[in-house]
Amino acid sequence: MLEFLKRKNKNQIPDKKLDDYITRMQYIQGRLEKVRQLFNNETDPEKTEAFIYEEKALMIRLDHLIKSAKEDGISVDIFYSKSDSDL
């Protein structure tokens, strides 16, 4: 999944704040990719379940971050790669 952030009005949003959103989204995206890799390679049912809950928590964090960015006047365009749409 790729997220692209941009300012709606360049004068209102400091670069530091935009960079913070980008950094946080990249971190969450990286964790999601790692959790999905671990899930795909796991055979223990308890660990598999833990990865499911961790993925759900990360998706909630990402959703909250997107909403916060929009409230701060940052538009969020999300493009899904083919592998993400298969989930």
C-alpha atoms as a PDB file:
ATOM      1  CA  MET A   1       0.000   0.000   0.000  1.00  0.00           C
ATOM      2  CA  LEU A   2       1.321   3.421  -0.873  1.00  0.00           C
ATOM      3  CA  GLU A   3       0.154   6.618   0.746  1.00  0.00           C
ATOM      4  CA  PHE A   4       0.737  10.039  -0.741  1.00  0.00           C
ATOM      5  CA  LEU A   5       0.234  13.138   1.355  1.00  0.00           C
ATOM      6  CA  LYS A   6       0.044  16.676   0.096  1.00  0.00           C
ATOM      7  CA  ARG A   7      -0.897  20.037   1.491  1.00  0.00           C
ATOM      8  CA  LYS A   8      -4.226  21.545   0.566  1.00  0.00           C
ATOM      9  CA  ASN A   9      -2.829  25.012   1.232  1.00  0.00           C
ATOM     10  CA  LYS A  10       0.953  25.335   1.325  1.00  0.00           C
ATOM     11  CA  ASN A  11       0.890  28.315   3.685  1.00  0.00           C
ATOM     12  CA  GLN A  12      -1.038  26.616   6.475  1.00  0.00           C
ATOM     13  CA  ILE A  13       0.862  23.404   7.164  1.00  0.00           C
ATOM     14  CA  PRO A  14       4.497  23.457   8.301  1.00  0.00           C
ATOM     15  CA  ASP A  15       6.886  21.094   6.529  1.00  0.00           C
ATOM     16  CA  LYS A  16       7.787  19.511   9.873  1.00  0.00           C
ATOM     17  CA  LYS A  17       4.185  18.485  10.504  1.00  0.00           C
ATOM     18  CA  LEU A  18       3.809  17.029   7.009  1.00  0.00           C
ATOM     19  CA  ASP A  19       7.112  15.182   7.407  1.00  0.00           C
ATOM     20  CA  ASP A  20       5.883  13.811  10.750  1.00  0.00           C
ATOM     21  CA  TYR A  21       2.740  12.400   9.138  1.00  0.00           C
ATOM     22  CA  ILE A  22       4.770  10.854   6.321  1.00  0.00           C
ATOM     23  CA  THR A  23       7.236   9.292   8.768  1.00  0.00           C
ATOM     24  CA  ARG A  24       4.472   7.864  10.934  1.00  0.00           C
ATOM     25  CA  MET A  25       2.604   6.426   7.937  1.00  0.00           C
ATOM     26  CA  GLN A  26       5.782   4.869   6.576  1.00  0.00           C
ATOM     27  CA  TYR A  27       6.453   3.271   9.969  1.00  0.00           C
ATOM     28  CA  ILE A  28       2.943   1.806  10.175  1.00  0.00           C
ATOM     29  CA  GLN A  29       3.132   0.608   6.579  1.00  0.00           C
ATOM     30  CA  GLY A  30       6.458  -1.098   7.283  1.00  0.00           C
ATOM     31  CA  ARG A  31       5.054  -2.806  10.372  1.00  0.00           C
ATOM     32  CA  LEU A  32       2.011  -3.970   8.384  1.00  0.00           C
ATOM     33  CA  GLU A  33       4.235  -5.511   5.740  1.00  0.00           C
ATOM     34  CA  LYS A  34       6.318  -7.274   8.395  1.00  0.00           C
ATOM     35  CA  VAL A  35       3.259  -8.591  10.269  1.00  0.00           C
ATOM     36  CA  ARG A  36       1.783  -9.904   7.024  1.00  0.00           C
ATOM     37  CA  GLN A  37       5.041 -11.682   6.169  1.00  0.00           C
ATOM     38  CA  LEU A  38       5.169 -13.253   9.614  1.00  0.00           C
ATOM     39  CA  PHE A  39       1.506 -14.269   9.362  1.00  0.00           C
ATOM     40  CA  ASN A  40       2.085 -15.950   5.991  1.00  0.00           C
ATOM     41  CA  ASN A  41       5.008 -17.990   7.367  1.00  0.00           C
ATOM     42  CA  GLU A  42       3.498 -18.953  10.729  1.00  0.00           C
ATOM     43  CA  THR A  43       2.098 -22.386  11.519  1.00  0.00           C
ATOM     44  CA  ASP A  44       1.321 -21.990  15.238  1.00  0.00           C
ATOM     45  CA  PRO A  45      -2.388 -21.085  15.605  1.00  0.00           C
ATOM     46  CA  GLU A  46      -1.817 -18.859  18.651  1.00  0.00           C
ATOM     47  CA  LYS A  47       0.873 -16.826  16.914  1.00  0.00           C
ATOM     48  CA  THR A  48      -1.276 -16.584  13.800  1.00  0.00           C
ATOM     49  CA  GLU A  49      -4.087 -15.154  15.880  1.00  0.00           C
ATOM     50  CA  ALA A  50      -1.702 -12.657  17.489  1.00  0.00           C
ATOM     51  CA  PHE A  51      -0.636 -11.442  14.038  1.00  0.00           C
ATOM     52  CA  ILE A  52      -4.273 -10.960  13.079  1.00  0.00           C
ATOM     53  CA  TYR A  53      -4.865  -8.760  16.128  1.00  0.00           C
ATOM     54  CA  GLU A  54      -1.647  -6.837  15.533  1.00  0.00           C
ATOM     55  CA  GLU A  55      -2.635  -6.163  11.916  1.00  0.00           C
ATOM     56  CA  LYS A  56      -6.056  -4.929  13.043  1.00  0.00           C
ATOM     57  CA  ALA A  57      -4.443  -2.592  15.590  1.00  0.00           C
ATOM     58  CA  LEU A  58      -2.081  -1.199  12.939  1.00  0.00           C
ATOM     59  CA  MET A  59      -4.977  -0.612  10.540  1.00  0.00           C
ATOM     60  CA  ILE A  60      -6.838   1.299  13.256  1.00  0.00           C
ATOM     61  CA  ARG A  61      -3.718   3.407  13.907  1.00  0.00           C
ATOM     62  CA  LEU A  62      -3.389   4.125  10.190  1.00  0.00           C
ATOM     63  CA  ASP A  63      -7.056   5.096   9.911  1.00  0.00           C
ATOM     64  CA  HIS A  64      -6.708   7.465  12.869  1.00  0.00           C
ATOM     65  CA  LEU A  65      -3.559   8.998  11.364  1.00  0.00           C
ATOM     66  CA  ILE A  66      -5.314   9.593   8.035  1.00  0.00           C
ATOM     67  CA  LYS A  67      -8.246  11.268   9.799  1.00  0.00           C
ATOM     68  CA  SER A  68      -5.862  13.476  11.788  1.00  0.00           C
ATOM     69  CA  ALA A  69      -3.993  14.466   8.639  1.00  0.00           C
ATOM     70  CA  LYS A  70      -7.246  15.433   6.935  1.00  0.00           C
ATOM     71  CA  GLU A  71      -8.267  17.509   9.968  1.00  0.00           C
ATOM     72  CA  ASP A  72      -4.923  19.321   9.706  1.00  0.00           C
ATOM     73  CA  GLY A  73      -5.634  20.180   6.068  1.00  0.00           C
ATOM     74  CA  ILE A  74      -3.495  17.495   4.492  1.00  0.00           C
ATOM     75  CA  SER A  75      -5.112  15.574   1.680  1.00  0.00           C
ATOM     76  CA  VAL A  76      -4.449  11.873   1.613  1.00  0.00           C
ATOM     77  CA  ASP A  77      -4.467   9.894  -1.618  1.00  0.00           C
ATOM     78  CA  ILE A  78      -4.202   6.160  -1.059  1.00  0.00           C
ATOM     79  CA  PHE A  79      -3.295   3.780  -3.835  1.00  0.00           C
ATOM     80  CA  TYR A  80      -3.387   0.050  -3.227  1.00  0.00           C
ATOM     81  CA  SER A  81      -0.998  -2.284  -4.910  1.00  0.00           C
ATOM     82  CA  LYS A  82      -2.339  -5.562  -6.302  1.00  0.00           C
ATOM     83  CA  SER A  83      -1.039  -7.546  -3.318  1.00  0.00           C
ATOM     84  CA  ASP A  84      -2.946  -5.306  -0.873  1.00  0.00           C
ATOM     85  CA  SER A  85      -6.230  -5.720  -2.702  1.00  0.00           C
ATOM     86  CA  ASP A  86      -5.950  -9.500  -2.348  1.00  0.00           C
ATOM     87  CA  LEU A  87      -6.167  -9.260   1.455  1.00  0.00           C
END
